[in-house]
C-alpha atoms as a PDB file:
ATOM      1  CA  MET A   1       1.063   5.306  11.909  1.00  0.00           C
ATOM      2  CA  LYS A   2      -2.398   6.212   9.987  1.00  0.00           C
ATOM      3  CA  ARG A   3      -5.672   4.496  11.077  1.00  0.00           C
ATOM      4  CA  LEU A   4      -7.260   2.996   8.366  1.00  0.00           C
ATOM      5  CA  LEU A   5      -9.958   0.832   9.600  1.00  0.00           C
ATOM      6  CA  THR A   6     -12.531   1.012  12.929  1.00  0.00           C
ATOM      7  CA  LEU A   7     -15.204  -1.312  13.111  1.00  0.00           C
ATOM      8  CA  GLU A   8     -17.488  -0.908  15.975  1.00  0.00           C
ATOM      9  CA  GLY A   9     -19.729  -3.658  16.963  1.00  0.00           C
ATOM     10  CA  VAL A  10     -19.779  -4.866  13.554  1.00  0.00           C
ATOM     11  CA  SER A  11     -22.185  -7.835  12.880  1.00  0.00           C
ATOM     12  CA  PHE A  12     -22.772  -9.792   9.498  1.00  0.00           C
ATOM     13  CA  ALA A  13     -24.761 -12.528   8.543  1.00  0.00           C
ATOM     14  CA  TYR A  14     -24.687 -15.136   6.094  1.00  0.00           C
ATOM     15  CA  ASP A  15     -27.870 -16.787   4.686  1.00  0.00           C
ATOM     16  CA  ARG A  16     -29.688 -15.033   7.614  1.00  0.00           C
ATOM     17  CA  ARG A  17     -27.680 -16.405  10.210  1.00  0.00           C
ATOM     18  CA  LEU A  18     -25.218 -14.213  12.326  1.00  0.00           C
ATOM     19  CA  VAL A  19     -21.911 -15.568  11.942  1.00  0.00           C
ATOM     20  CA  VAL A  20     -20.209 -12.293  13.330  1.00  0.00           C
ATOM     21  CA  GLU A  21     -21.602 -10.696  16.343  1.00  0.00           C
ATOM     22  CA  ASN A  22     -20.112  -7.258  17.684  1.00  0.00           C
ATOM     23  CA  LEU A  23     -16.902  -7.394  16.603  1.00  0.00           C
ATOM     24  CA  SER A  24     -14.630  -4.176  16.995  1.00  0.00           C
ATOM     25  CA  PHE A  25     -11.533  -3.657  16.632  1.00  0.00           C
ATOM     26  CA  SER A  26      -9.165  -0.845  15.235  1.00  0.00           C
ATOM     27  CA  LEU A  27      -6.291  -1.127  12.120  1.00  0.00           C
ATOM     28  CA  ASP A  28      -3.063   1.254  11.755  1.00  0.00           C
ATOM     29  CA  GLU A  29      -0.672   1.274   8.680  1.00  0.00           C
ATOM     30  CA  GLY A  30       1.674  -1.471   8.814  1.00  0.00           C
ATOM     31  CA  ASP A  31      -0.360  -3.863  11.546  1.00  0.00           C
ATOM     32  CA  TYR A  32      -0.565  -7.810  11.221  1.00  0.00           C
ATOM     33  CA  LEU A  33      -3.969  -9.385  11.944  1.00  0.00           C
ATOM     34  CA  ALA A  34      -4.783 -12.718  12.087  1.00  0.00           C
ATOM     35  CA  ILE A  35      -7.899 -14.022  13.022  1.00  0.00           C
ATOM     36  CA  ILE A  36      -8.440 -17.378  13.529  1.00  0.00           C
ATOM     37  CA  GLY A  37     -11.708 -19.593  13.479  1.00  0.00           C
ATOM     38  CA  GLU A  38     -13.435 -22.542  12.567  1.00  0.00           C
ATOM     39  CA  ASN A  39     -14.937 -23.497   9.197  1.00  0.00           C
ATOM     40  CA  GLY A  40     -18.246 -21.741   8.723  1.00  0.00           C
ATOM     41  CA  SER A  41     -17.257 -18.935  11.801  1.00  0.00           C
ATOM     42  CA  GLY A  42     -17.673 -15.796   9.446  1.00  0.00           C
ATOM     43  CA  LYS A  43     -14.234 -15.164   8.490  1.00  0.00           C
ATOM     44  CA  THR A  44     -14.716 -14.807   4.904  1.00  0.00           C
ATOM     45  CA  THR A  45     -17.674 -13.229   5.288  1.00  0.00           C
ATOM     46  CA  LEU A  46     -15.919 -10.461   7.422  1.00  0.00           C
ATOM     47  CA  LEU A  47     -13.585 -10.184   5.029  1.00  0.00           C
ATOM     48  CA  LEU A  48     -15.996  -9.528   2.266  1.00  0.00           C
ATOM     49  CA  GLY A  49     -17.519  -6.586   4.557  1.00  0.00           C
ATOM     50  CA  LEU A  50     -14.021  -5.145   4.938  1.00  0.00           C
ATOM     51  CA  LEU A  51     -13.505  -5.341   1.179  1.00  0.00           C
ATOM     52  CA  GLY A  52     -17.163  -3.224   0.892  1.00  0.00           C
ATOM     53  CA  LEU A  53     -18.399  -6.312  -0.784  1.00  0.00           C
ATOM     54  CA  LYS A  54     -20.903  -7.693   2.084  1.00  0.00           C
ATOM     55  CA  GLU A  55     -22.814  -4.889   4.116  1.00  0.00           C
ATOM     56  CA  PRO A  56     -22.910  -5.391   8.053  1.00  0.00           C
ATOM     57  CA  VAL A  57     -26.227  -6.161   9.537  1.00  0.00           C
ATOM     58  CA  GLY A  58     -25.266  -4.282  12.807  1.00  0.00           C
ATOM     59  CA  GLY A  59     -22.437  -1.544  13.601  1.00  0.00           C
ATOM     60  CA  SER A  60     -20.097   0.459  11.475  1.00  0.00           C
ATOM     61  CA  ILE A  61     -17.287   0.299   9.499  1.00  0.00           C
ATOM     62  CA  VAL A  62     -15.068   3.217   9.211  1.00  0.00           C
ATOM     63  CA  ARG A  63     -12.461   3.083   6.423  1.00  0.00           C
ATOM     64  CA  SER A  64      -9.848   5.779   6.215  1.00  0.00           C
ATOM     65  CA  PRO A  65      -9.951   8.138   3.023  1.00  0.00           C
ATOM     66  CA  ALA A  66      -6.394   7.045   1.968  1.00  0.00           C
ATOM     67  CA  LEU A  67      -7.793   3.129   1.868  1.00  0.00           C
ATOM     68  CA  LYS A  68      -9.157   3.164  -1.549  1.00  0.00           C
ATOM     69  CA  ALA A  69     -10.251   0.372  -3.361  1.00  0.00           C
ATOM     70  CA  HIS A  70      -7.194   0.024  -5.442  1.00  0.00           C
ATOM     71  CA  ARG A  71      -5.121   0.100  -2.390  1.00  0.00           C
ATOM     72  CA  ILE A  72      -6.477  -3.121  -1.369  1.00  0.00           C
ATOM     73  CA  GLY A  73      -4.851  -6.563  -2.486  1.00  0.00           C
ATOM     74  CA  TYR A  74      -6.864  -9.485  -1.694  1.00  0.00           C
ATOM     75  CA  LEU A  75      -6.206 -13.558  -2.252  1.00  0.00           C
ATOM     76  CA  PRO A  76      -9.310 -15.171  -1.899  1.00  0.00           C
ATOM     77  CA  GLN A  77      -9.492 -18.844  -0.858  1.00  0.00           C
ATOM     78  CA  GLN A  78      -8.500 -21.452  -3.788  1.00  0.00           C
ATOM     79  CA  VAL A  79     -11.018 -23.338  -5.438  1.00  0.00           C
ATOM     80  CA  PRO A  80     -10.380 -26.290  -8.269  1.00  0.00           C
ATOM     81  CA  GLU A  81     -11.565 -24.104 -11.117  1.00  0.00           C
ATOM     82  CA  GLN A  82      -8.955 -21.674 -10.369  1.00  0.00           C
ATOM     83  CA  ARG A  83      -6.456 -24.222 -11.037  1.00  0.00           C
ATOM     84  CA  ASP A  84      -6.851 -24.586 -14.631  1.00  0.00           C
ATOM     85  CA  PHE A  85      -6.951 -21.159 -15.903  1.00  0.00           C
ATOM     86  CA  PRO A  86      -4.789 -20.700 -19.250  1.00  0.00           C
ATOM     87  CA  ALA A  87      -2.515 -17.876 -18.731  1.00  0.00           C
ATOM     88  CA  THR A  88       1.285 -17.101 -17.583  1.00  0.00           C
ATOM     89  CA  VAL A  89       2.161 -16.167 -14.380  1.00  0.00           C
ATOM     90  CA  ARG A  90       3.045 -12.889 -15.528  1.00  0.00           C
ATOM     91  CA  GLU A  91      -0.272 -12.485 -17.119  1.00  0.00           C
ATOM     92  CA  ILE A  92      -1.956 -13.746 -13.675  1.00  0.00           C
ATOM     93  CA  VAL A  93       0.302 -11.113 -11.750  1.00  0.00           C
ATOM     94  CA  LEU A  94      -0.223  -8.130 -14.062  1.00  0.00           C
ATOM     95  CA  SER A  95      -4.147  -8.823 -14.240  1.00  0.00           C
ATOM     96  CA  GLY A  96      -3.962  -7.595 -10.496  1.00  0.00           C
ATOM     97  CA  ARG A  97      -3.687  -3.713 -11.999  1.00  0.00           C
ATOM     98  CA  LEU A  98      -7.099  -4.342 -13.841  1.00  0.00           C
ATOM     99  CA  ASN A  99      -8.545  -2.632 -10.739  1.00  0.00           C
ATOM    100  CA  ARG A 100      -7.394   0.296 -11.830  1.00  0.00           C
ATOM    101  CA  HIS A 101      -8.576   0.733 -15.425  1.00  0.00           C
ATOM    102  CA  GLY A 102     -12.541  -0.106 -15.437  1.00  0.00           C
ATOM    103  CA  LEU A 103     -13.249  -1.082 -18.804  1.00  0.00           C
ATOM    104  CA  ILE A 104     -10.304  -0.327 -20.693  1.00  0.00           C
ATOM    105  CA  SER A 105      -7.743  -3.161 -20.064  1.00  0.00           C
ATOM    106  CA  PHE A 106      -4.801  -2.007 -21.480  1.00  0.00           C
ATOM    107  CA  TYR A 107      -1.554  -2.083 -19.187  1.00  0.00           C
ATOM    108  CA  SER A 108       0.575   1.020 -19.416  1.00  0.00           C
ATOM    109  CA  SER A 109       4.804   0.678 -18.712  1.00  0.00           C
ATOM    110  CA  ARG A 110       3.659   1.190 -14.886  1.00  0.00           C
ATOM    111  CA  ASP A 111       1.459  -1.731 -15.396  1.00  0.00           C
ATOM    112  CA  ARG A 112       4.418  -3.796 -16.432  1.00  0.00           C
ATOM    113  CA  GLN A 113       7.070  -2.165 -14.121  1.00  0.00           C
ATOM    114  CA  ALA A 114       4.884  -3.163 -10.733  1.00  0.00           C
ATOM    115  CA  ALA A 115       4.246  -6.702 -11.966  1.00  0.00           C
ATOM    116  CA  ASP A 116       7.778  -7.348 -12.881  1.00  0.00           C
ATOM    117  CA  ASP A 117       9.115  -5.630  -9.129  1.00  0.00           C
ATOM    118  CA  VAL A 118       6.652  -7.967  -7.680  1.00  0.00           C
ATOM    119  CA  ILE A 119       7.656 -10.962 -10.063  1.00  0.00           C
ATOM    120  CA  LYS A 120      10.932 -10.510  -8.494  1.00  0.00           C
ATOM    121  CA  ARG A 121      10.468  -9.731  -4.719  1.00  0.00           C
ATOM    122  CA  LEU A 122       8.915 -12.732  -4.787  1.00  0.00           C
ATOM    123  CA  ALA A 123      11.466 -14.761  -6.757  1.00  0.00           C
ATOM    124  CA  LEU A 124       8.933 -16.087  -9.704  1.00  0.00           C
ATOM    125  CA  GLU A 125      11.312 -15.047 -12.571  1.00  0.00           C
ATOM    126  CA  ASP A 126      11.758 -18.363 -13.421  1.00  0.00           C
ATOM    127  CA  LEU A 127       8.087 -19.303 -13.478  1.00  0.00           C
ATOM    128  CA  GLN A 128       6.939 -16.217 -15.441  1.00  0.00           C
ATOM    129  CA  ASN A 129       6.661 -17.265 -19.340  1.00  0.00           C
ATOM    130  CA  ARG A 130       5.235 -20.618 -17.517  1.00  0.00           C
ATOM    131  CA  SER A 131       1.339 -21.462 -17.229  1.00  0.00           C
ATOM    132  CA  PHE A 132       0.047 -21.240 -13.979  1.00  0.00           C
ATOM    133  CA  ARG A 133      -1.636 -24.963 -14.672  1.00  0.00           C
ATOM    134  CA  GLU A 134       1.263 -26.242 -14.838  1.00  0.00           C
ATOM    135  CA  LEU A 135       2.493 -25.284 -11.292  1.00  0.00           C
ATOM    136  CA  SER A 136       2.241 -27.329  -7.686  1.00  0.00           C
ATOM    137  CA  VAL A 137      -0.198 -25.517  -5.504  1.00  0.00           C
ATOM    138  CA  GLY A 138       2.525 -23.612  -3.422  1.00  0.00           C
ATOM    139  CA  GLN A 139       4.009 -21.812  -6.414  1.00  0.00           C
ATOM    140  CA  ARG A 140      -0.006 -21.308  -7.702  1.00  0.00           C
ATOM    141  CA  GLN A 141      -0.465 -19.986  -4.044  1.00  0.00           C
ATOM    142  CA  ARG A 142       2.897 -17.722  -4.477  1.00  0.00           C
ATOM    143  CA  VAL A 143       1.771 -16.253  -7.974  1.00  0.00           C
ATOM    144  CA  LEU A 144      -1.578 -15.441  -6.380  1.00  0.00           C
ATOM    145  CA  LEU A 145       0.153 -13.852  -3.893  1.00  0.00           C
ATOM    146  CA  ALA A 146       2.161 -11.927  -6.208  1.00  0.00           C
ATOM    147  CA  ARG A 147      -1.187 -10.662  -8.284  1.00  0.00           C
ATOM    148  CA  ALA A 148      -2.706  -9.412  -5.142  1.00  0.00           C
ATOM    149  CA  LEU A 149       0.436  -7.458  -4.375  1.00  0.00           C
ATOM    150  CA  THR A 150       0.516  -6.067  -7.811  1.00  0.00           C
ATOM    151  CA  ALA A 151      -2.723  -4.866  -7.040  1.00  0.00           C
ATOM    152  CA  ALA A 152      -2.443  -3.375  -3.571  1.00  0.00           C
ATOM    153  CA  GLN A 153      -0.639  -0.449  -2.210  1.00  0.00           C
ATOM    154  CA  GLY A 154       0.598  -1.587   0.702  1.00  0.00           C
ATOM    155  CA  PHE A 155      -2.778  -3.798   2.037  1.00  0.00           C
ATOM    156  CA  LEU A 156      -3.196  -7.239   2.061  1.00  0.00           C
ATOM    157  CA  LEU A 157      -6.479  -9.364   2.829  1.00  0.00           C
ATOM    158  CA  LEU A 158      -5.446 -13.320   2.889  1.00  0.00           C
ATOM    159  CA  ASP A 159      -8.454 -15.489   2.987  1.00  0.00           C
ATOM    160  CA  GLU A 160      -6.530 -18.819   4.391  1.00  0.00           C
ATOM    161  CA  PRO A 161      -3.636 -18.827   2.123  1.00  0.00           C
ATOM    162  CA  VAL A 162      -1.853 -22.301   3.284  1.00  0.00           C
ATOM    163  CA  ALA A 163      -5.148 -24.398   2.619  1.00  0.00           C
ATOM    164  CA  GLY A 164      -4.048 -27.306   0.811  1.00  0.00           C
ATOM    165  CA  LEU A 165      -0.165 -26.054   1.120  1.00  0.00           C
ATOM    166  CA  ASP A 166       2.036 -29.088   3.187  1.00  0.00           C
ATOM    167  CA  PRO A 167       3.710 -27.814   6.331  1.00  0.00           C
ATOM    168  CA  ILE A 168       7.268 -27.052   4.865  1.00  0.00           C
ATOM    169  CA  VAL A 169       5.245 -24.906   2.053  1.00  0.00           C
ATOM    170  CA  SER A 170       3.087 -23.655   4.173  1.00  0.00           C
ATOM    171  CA  HIS A 171       6.252 -22.252   6.738  1.00  0.00           C
ATOM    172  CA  GLU A 172       7.318 -20.354   3.927  1.00  0.00           C
ATOM    173  CA  PHE A 173       4.304 -18.841   3.203  1.00  0.00           C
ATOM    174  CA  TYR A 174       4.271 -17.704   6.348  1.00  0.00           C
ATOM    175  CA  ARG A 175       7.782 -16.598   6.240  1.00  0.00           C
ATOM    176  CA  LEU A 176       7.095 -14.491   3.325  1.00  0.00           C
ATOM    177  CA  ILE A 177       3.693 -12.771   4.591  1.00  0.00           C
ATOM    178  CA  ARG A 178       5.561 -11.849   7.906  1.00  0.00           C
ATOM    179  CA  GLU A 179       8.471 -10.459   5.668  1.00  0.00           C
ATOM    180  CA  LEU A 180       6.028  -8.497   3.641  1.00  0.00           C
ATOM    181  CA  ASN A 181       4.393  -7.059   6.917  1.00  0.00           C
ATOM    182  CA  ARG A 182       7.952  -5.823   8.369  1.00  0.00           C
ATOM    183  CA  SER A 183       8.643  -4.062   4.672  1.00  0.00           C
ATOM    184  CA  GLY A 184       5.467  -2.072   5.715  1.00  0.00           C
ATOM    185  CA  VAL A 185       2.393  -3.921   4.005  1.00  0.00           C
ATOM    186  CA  THR A 186      -0.345  -4.530   6.335  1.00  0.00           C
ATOM    187  CA  VAL A 187      -2.021  -7.375   6.259  1.00  0.00           C
ATOM    188  CA  ILE A 188      -5.410  -9.423   7.567  1.00  0.00           C
ATOM    189  CA  MET A 189      -5.267 -12.810   7.359  1.00  0.00           C
ATOM    190  CA  VAL A 190      -7.986 -15.620   8.463  1.00  0.00           C
ATOM    191  CA  SER A 191      -7.158 -18.768   8.733  1.00  0.00           C
ATOM    192  CA  HIS A 192      -8.457 -21.731  10.640  1.00  0.00           C
ATOM    193  CA  ASP A 193      -4.908 -23.187  11.046  1.00  0.00           C
ATOM    194  CA  ILE A 194      -3.048 -21.802  14.586  1.00  0.00           C
END
């Protein structure tokens, strides 16, 4: 298996307060890493650092040349503003391909096929023409996972993916993530839920 990431002595600060200190780990293709911690413990800050959106204040992050930005799918924490987004499920899933286009956002037939494949894989066919705002919280989270998966080529970063979901839907969501990992998708998930 290929090594994708190596962190050595990495520290991150948020509002000048050290929230991640001296963290070291490596991640290989196909791994599933769950990072558990209390609210405010630096989990999201760590993910932002892994995405290259936040610089560490100490240590080093070594990314494999194979780990390019367009290979990573990111599912951020849901915020209330996202719930009223006026787009269809298919449009949102397809938007995962925007990271490949720069300023020009015309979707190719390959982009459309990738979105269709993920919609089918996550059993969203019956919802694809519905508005995102009409969906339940669990359905919205599944759609956002589909968008992240459409963006990715085998690597997902998930930030509190079951926050706000009831226990049954949470269990189903964890099962889906486990299934994706078994199919070869590398997963880093942060949660305060054990």
